[in-house]
C-alpha atoms as a PDB file:
ATOM      1  CA  UNK A   1     100.932  90.033 140.208  1.00  0.00           C
ATOM      2  CA  UNK A   2     102.439  89.649 136.740  1.00  0.00           C
ATOM      3  CA  UNK A   3     104.836  92.208 135.669  1.00  0.00           C
ATOM      4  CA  UNK A   4     104.910  94.237 132.387  1.00  0.00           C
ATOM      5  CA  UNK A   5     107.541  93.433 129.860  1.00  0.00           C
ATOM      6  CA  UNK A   6     108.557  95.411 126.818  1.00  0.00           C
ATOM      7  CA  UNK A   7     109.139  92.927 123.978  1.00  0.00           C
ATOM      8  CA  UNK A   8     112.160  92.845 121.655  1.00  0.00           C
ATOM      9  CA  UNK A   9     111.582  94.119 118.068  1.00  0.00           C
ATOM     10  CA  UNK A  10     108.974  92.220 116.175  1.00  0.00           C
ATOM     11  CA  UNK A  11     107.040  92.161 112.902  1.00  0.00           C
ATOM     12  CA  UNK A  12     103.556  93.310 113.333  1.00  0.00           C
ATOM     13  CA  UNK A  13     100.889  90.952 111.849  1.00  0.00           C
ATOM     14  CA  UNK A  14      97.044  90.893 111.984  1.00  0.00           C
ATOM     15  CA  UNK A  15      96.807  94.384 113.756  1.00  0.00           C
ATOM     16  CA  UNK A  16      93.503  95.274 115.386  1.00  0.00           C
ATOM     17  CA  UNK A  17      94.817  98.126 117.355  1.00  0.00           C
ATOM     18  CA  UNK A  18      92.349 100.915 116.652  1.00  0.00           C
ATOM     19  CA  UNK A  19      89.064  99.062 116.242  1.00  0.00           C
ATOM     20  CA  UNK A  20      88.304  95.740 118.181  1.00  0.00           C
ATOM     21  CA  UNK A  21      87.564  92.601 116.232  1.00  0.00           C
ATOM     22  CA  UNK A  22      85.918  89.345 117.263  1.00  0.00           C
ATOM     23  CA  UNK A  23      87.686  86.129 116.244  1.00  0.00           C
ATOM     24  CA  UNK A  24      84.300  84.547 115.692  1.00  0.00           C
ATOM     25  CA  UNK A  25      80.581  85.842 115.774  1.00  0.00           C
ATOM     26  CA  UNK A  26      80.043  84.523 119.430  1.00  0.00           C
ATOM     27  CA  UNK A  27      83.237  86.044 120.808  1.00  0.00           C
ATOM     28  CA  UNK A  28      83.695  89.507 122.515  1.00  0.00           C
ATOM     29  CA  UNK A  29      85.604  91.886 120.269  1.00  0.00           C
ATOM     30  CA  UNK A  30      89.097  92.619 121.456  1.00  0.00           C
ATOM     31  CA  UNK A  31      91.992  94.673 120.366  1.00  0.00           C
ATOM     32  CA  UNK A  32      94.805  92.309 119.185  1.00  0.00           C
ATOM     33  CA  UNK A  33      97.718  91.692 117.043  1.00  0.00           C
ATOM     34  CA  UNK A  34     100.469  89.027 116.356  1.00  0.00           C
ATOM     35  CA  UNK A  35     104.061  89.747 117.115  1.00  0.00           C
ATOM     36  CA  UNK A  36     106.554  87.762 114.934  1.00  0.00           C
ATOM     37  CA  UNK A  37     110.107  87.525 116.280  1.00  0.00           C
ATOM     38  CA  UNK A  38     112.697  86.667 113.796  1.00  0.00           C
ATOM     39  CA  UNK A  39     114.964  83.731 114.410  1.00  0.00           C
ATOM     40  CA  UNK A  40     117.538  84.302 116.997  1.00  0.00           C
ATOM     41  CA  UNK A  41     115.609  87.087 118.883  1.00  0.00           C
ATOM     42  CA  UNK A  42     116.216  86.842 122.711  1.00  0.00           C
ATOM     43  CA  UNK A  43     112.884  85.916 124.349  1.00  0.00           C
ATOM     44  CA  UNK A  44     114.265  84.903 127.739  1.00  0.00           C
ATOM     45  CA  UNK A  45     112.387  87.740 129.569  1.00  0.00           C
ATOM     46  CA  UNK A  46     109.008  86.762 127.870  1.00  0.00           C
ATOM     47  CA  UNK A  47     109.493  83.135 128.524  1.00  0.00           C
ATOM     48  CA  UNK A  48     110.536  83.636 132.064  1.00  0.00           C
ATOM     49  CA  UNK A  49     107.514  85.821 132.643  1.00  0.00           C
ATOM     50  CA  UNK A  50     105.144  83.304 131.284  1.00  0.00           C
ATOM     51  CA  UNK A  51     106.697  80.439 133.288  1.00  0.00           C
ATOM     52  CA  UNK A  52     106.287  82.619 136.349  1.00  0.00           C
ATOM     53  CA  UNK A  53     102.617  83.275 135.674  1.00  0.00           C
ATOM     54  CA  UNK A  54     102.158  79.565 135.181  1.00  0.00           C
ATOM     55  CA  UNK A  55     103.937  78.699 138.526  1.00  0.00           C
ATOM     56  CA  UNK A  56     101.734  81.321 140.352  1.00  0.00           C
ATOM     57  CA  UNK A  57      98.517  79.667 138.965  1.00  0.00           C
ATOM     58  CA  UNK A  58      99.471  75.930 139.091  1.00  0.00           C
ATOM     59  CA  UNK A  59     102.337  75.852 141.543  1.00  0.00           C
ATOM     60  CA  UNK A  60     104.668  72.864 141.511  1.00  0.00           C
ATOM     61  CA  UNK A  61     102.519  71.234 138.813  1.00  0.00           C
ATOM     62  CA  UNK A  62     103.081  74.009 136.234  1.00  0.00           C
ATOM     63  CA  UNK A  63     106.382  72.777 134.761  1.00  0.00           C
ATOM     64  CA  UNK A  64     105.106  69.058 134.361  1.00  0.00           C
ATOM     65  CA  UNK A  65     101.781  70.369 132.931  1.00  0.00           C
ATOM     66  CA  UNK A  66     103.654  72.440 130.347  1.00  0.00           C
ATOM     67  CA  UNK A  67     106.004  69.448 129.521  1.00  0.00           C
ATOM     68  CA  UNK A  68     102.918  67.177 129.073  1.00  0.00           C
ATOM     69  CA  UNK A  69     101.066  69.620 126.893  1.00  0.00           C
ATOM     70  CA  UNK A  70      98.339  70.105 129.359  1.00  0.00           C
ATOM     71  CA  UNK A  71      99.275  73.728 130.068  1.00  0.00           C
ATOM     72  CA  UNK A  72      99.729  75.864 126.853  1.00  0.00           C
ATOM     73  CA  UNK A  73     102.382  78.317 126.457  1.00  0.00           C
ATOM     74  CA  UNK A  74     101.932  81.318 124.172  1.00  0.00           C
ATOM     75  CA  UNK A  75     105.048  80.746 121.996  1.00  0.00           C
ATOM     76  CA  UNK A  76     104.046  79.621 118.449  1.00  0.00           C
ATOM     77  CA  UNK A  77     106.675  77.904 116.228  1.00  0.00           C
ATOM     78  CA  UNK A  78     104.528  77.013 113.300  1.00  0.00           C
ATOM     79  CA  UNK A  79     105.602  80.325 111.636  1.00  0.00           C
ATOM     80  CA  UNK A  80     106.324  78.680 108.169  1.00  0.00           C
ATOM     81  CA  UNK A  81     102.755  77.412 107.998  1.00  0.00           C
ATOM     82  CA  UNK A  82     101.396  80.977 108.755  1.00  0.00           C
ATOM     83  CA  UNK A  83     103.753  82.574 106.028  1.00  0.00           C
ATOM     84  CA  UNK A  84     106.228  84.065 108.475  1.00  0.00           C
ATOM     85  CA  UNK A  85     109.964  83.615 108.133  1.00  0.00           C
ATOM     86  CA  UNK A  86     111.169  79.989 108.838  1.00  0.00           C
ATOM     87  CA  UNK A  87     112.504  79.764 112.322  1.00  0.00           C
ATOM     88  CA  UNK A  88     110.360  82.774 113.610  1.00  0.00           C
ATOM     89  CA  UNK A  89     108.615  82.457 116.936  1.00  0.00           C
ATOM     90  CA  UNK A  90     105.263  84.481 117.305  1.00  0.00           C
ATOM     91  CA  UNK A  91     102.859  85.292 120.077  1.00  0.00           C
ATOM     92  CA  UNK A  92      99.180  86.520 119.819  1.00  0.00           C
ATOM     93  CA  UNK A  93      98.342  89.318 122.260  1.00  0.00           C
ATOM     94  CA  UNK A  94      95.162  90.901 122.991  1.00  0.00           C
ATOM     95  CA  UNK A  95      93.211  93.456 125.279  1.00  0.00           C
ATOM     96  CA  UNK A  96      89.640  94.413 125.900  1.00  0.00           C
ATOM     97  CA  UNK A  97      90.866  98.091 126.060  1.00  0.00           C
ATOM     98  CA  UNK A  98      92.427 100.085 123.235  1.00  0.00           C
ATOM     99  CA  UNK A  99      96.090 100.022 123.588  1.00  0.00           C
ATOM    100  CA  UNK A 100      98.097 103.243 123.194  1.00  0.00           C
ATOM    101  CA  UNK A 101     100.091 103.529 119.908  1.00  0.00           C
ATOM    102  CA  UNK A 102     103.345 105.793 119.724  1.00  0.00           C
ATOM    103  CA  UNK A 103     106.215 106.196 117.200  1.00  0.00           C
ATOM    104  CA  UNK A 104     109.830 106.185 117.941  1.00  0.00           C
ATOM    105  CA  UNK A 105     110.139 109.972 117.451  1.00  0.00           C
ATOM    106  CA  UNK A 106     109.828 112.387 120.364  1.00  0.00           C
ATOM    107  CA  UNK A 107     107.222 115.146 120.490  1.00  0.00           C
ATOM    108  CA  UNK A 108     107.781 118.723 121.919  1.00  0.00           C
ATOM    109  CA  UNK A 109     107.351 117.239 125.450  1.00  0.00           C
ATOM    110  CA  UNK A 110     110.194 114.672 124.775  1.00  0.00           C
ATOM    111  CA  UNK A 111     107.696 111.684 125.048  1.00  0.00           C
ATOM    112  CA  UNK A 112     107.155 109.539 121.916  1.00  0.00           C
ATOM    113  CA  UNK A 113     104.551 111.003 119.490  1.00  0.00           C
ATOM    114  CA  UNK A 114     101.116 109.396 119.512  1.00  0.00           C
ATOM    115  CA  UNK A 115     100.033 107.503 116.347  1.00  0.00           C
ATOM    116  CA  UNK A 116      96.422 108.294 115.402  1.00  0.00           C
ATOM    117  CA  UNK A 117      96.454 107.031 111.867  1.00  0.00           C
ATOM    118  CA  UNK A 118      95.879 103.313 111.817  1.00  0.00           C
ATOM    119  CA  UNK A 119      97.538 103.072 108.415  1.00  0.00           C
ATOM    120  CA  UNK A 120     100.913 103.734 110.157  1.00  0.00           C
ATOM    121  CA  UNK A 121     100.627 100.379 111.932  1.00  0.00           C
ATOM    122  CA  UNK A 122     100.347  97.922 109.068  1.00  0.00           C
ATOM    123  CA  UNK A 123     101.194  94.246 108.751  1.00  0.00           C
ATOM    124  CA  UNK A 124     104.978  94.064 108.289  1.00  0.00           C
ATOM    125  CA  UNK A 125     105.897  97.096 110.155  1.00  0.00           C
ATOM    126  CA  UNK A 126     108.517  96.744 113.030  1.00  0.00           C
ATOM    127  CA  UNK A 127     107.284  97.343 116.605  1.00  0.00           C
ATOM    128  CA  UNK A 128     107.874  96.556 120.119  1.00  0.00           C
ATOM    129  CA  UNK A 129     104.975  96.146 122.609  1.00  0.00           C
ATOM    130  CA  UNK A 130     104.266  96.381 126.382  1.00  0.00           C
ATOM    131  CA  UNK A 131     102.698  93.210 127.435  1.00  0.00           C
ATOM    132  CA  UNK A 132     101.691  91.381 130.645  1.00  0.00           C
ATOM    133  CA  UNK A 133     101.299  87.512 131.079  1.00  0.00           C
ATOM    134  CA  UNK A 134      98.107  85.965 132.316  1.00  0.00           C
ATOM    135  CA  UNK A 135      96.715  82.621 132.811  1.00  0.00           C
ATOM    136  CA  UNK A 136      93.552  81.041 131.609  1.00  0.00           C
ATOM    137  CA  UNK A 137      91.625  77.895 132.592  1.00  0.00           C
ATOM    138  CA  UNK A 138      88.456  77.600 130.534  1.00  0.00           C
ATOM    139  CA  UNK A 139      86.377  74.713 129.255  1.00  0.00           C
ATOM    140  CA  UNK A 140      89.364  72.297 129.738  1.00  0.00           C
ATOM    141  CA  UNK A 141      91.918  74.626 128.074  1.00  0.00           C
ATOM    142  CA  UNK A 142      94.644  75.750 130.293  1.00  0.00           C
ATOM    143  CA  UNK A 143      97.584  77.969 129.535  1.00  0.00           C
ATOM    144  CA  UNK A 144      99.485  81.387 129.670  1.00  0.00           C
ATOM    145  CA  UNK A 145      98.932  84.282 127.179  1.00  0.00           C
ATOM    146  CA  UNK A 146      99.942  87.889 127.048  1.00  0.00           C
ATOM    147  CA  UNK A 147      97.857  91.033 127.451  1.00  0.00           C
ATOM    148  CA  UNK A 148      98.659  93.853 125.058  1.00  0.00           C
ATOM    149  CA  UNK A 149      99.148  97.163 126.922  1.00  0.00           C
ATOM    150  CA  UNK A 150     100.687  99.482 124.389  1.00  0.00           C
ATOM    151  CA  UNK A 151     102.703  99.399 121.124  1.00  0.00           C
ATOM    152  CA  UNK A 152     105.486 101.384 119.607  1.00  0.00           C
ATOM    153  CA  UNK A 153     106.379 101.563 116.018  1.00  0.00           C
ATOM    154  CA  UNK A 154     110.105 101.155 115.493  1.00  0.00           C
ATOM    155  CA  UNK A 155     110.264 101.333 111.540  1.00  0.00           C
ATOM    156  CA  UNK A 156     108.917 100.281 108.320  1.00  0.00           C
ATOM    157  CA  UNK A 157     109.157  96.732 106.870  1.00  0.00           C
ATOM    158  CA  UNK A 158     107.893  94.819 103.898  1.00  0.00           C
ATOM    159  CA  UNK A 159     104.120  94.480 103.992  1.00  0.00           C
ATOM    160  CA  UNK A 160     102.898  91.141 104.968  1.00  0.00           C
ATOM    161  CA  UNK A 161      99.499  91.712 103.164  1.00  0.00           C
ATOM    162  CA  UNK A 162     101.088  92.348  99.688  1.00  0.00           C
ATOM    163  CA  UNK A 163      99.219  95.895  99.577  1.00  0.00           C
ATOM    164  CA  UNK A 164     101.062  98.653  97.852  1.00  0.00           C
ATOM    165  CA  UNK A 165     100.776 102.515  98.254  1.00  0.00           C
ATOM    166  CA  UNK A 166      98.732 104.065  95.410  1.00  0.00           C
ATOM    167  CA  UNK A 167     101.875 106.196  94.551  1.00  0.00           C
ATOM    168  CA  UNK A 168     103.819 102.995  94.051  1.00  0.00           C
ATOM    169  CA  UNK A 169     101.150 101.219  91.942  1.00  0.00           C
ATOM    170  CA  UNK A 170     100.311 103.949  89.407  1.00  0.00           C
ATOM    171  CA  UNK A 171     102.290 106.190  87.186  1.00  0.00           C
ATOM    172  CA  UNK A 172     101.407 109.817  86.770  1.00  0.00           C
ATOM    173  CA  UNK A 173      99.653 110.500  83.485  1.00  0.00           C
ATOM    174  CA  UNK A 174     100.019 114.251  83.406  1.00  0.00           C
ATOM    175  CA  UNK A 175     102.341 116.806  84.939  1.00  0.00           C
ATOM    176  CA  UNK A 176      99.765 119.474  85.628  1.00  0.00           C
ATOM    177  CA  UNK A 177      96.418 119.032  87.070  1.00  0.00           C
ATOM    178  CA  UNK A 178      93.569 120.140  84.732  1.00  0.00           C
ATOM    179  CA  UNK A 179      92.011 123.365  85.964  1.00  0.00           C
ATOM    180  CA  UNK A 180      88.204 123.027  86.453  1.00  0.00           C
END
């Protein structure tokens, strides 16, 4: 059975964490996001977990299948093509069930505070996630991917979607509201 791993800090992209989304009209909607790891991030625990899952599924043929490109691994290196920082590695994670979302701050019970406002988890914020590797073998496609369990916001970052807060986009026109 695959173990759960907490990822290193990543940049959140394409978040569908509060409402499921279907990648195409025929697909089942899922909760998902992309985790972008800046150059130099230690991904050894994730890579070992993915390799272990492949070995459990395909045995001694796993490593040869990976080298030959017959078994896909989840680590994408085409970051610059996607608009991410050059040299980044990213993974797409998904789940049929809604992931839990928490902040870095403790609540009254000492546990991280839950995030209920989806605007808090925007493309570009800094997160880490609880993920679990799984294998797939469908219609000639074989590989390893990661299931998304939960996500924790670690901090704010530059928005990837270019959207700005209304307070930052407009200037105040008056100092006092006009009474009605």
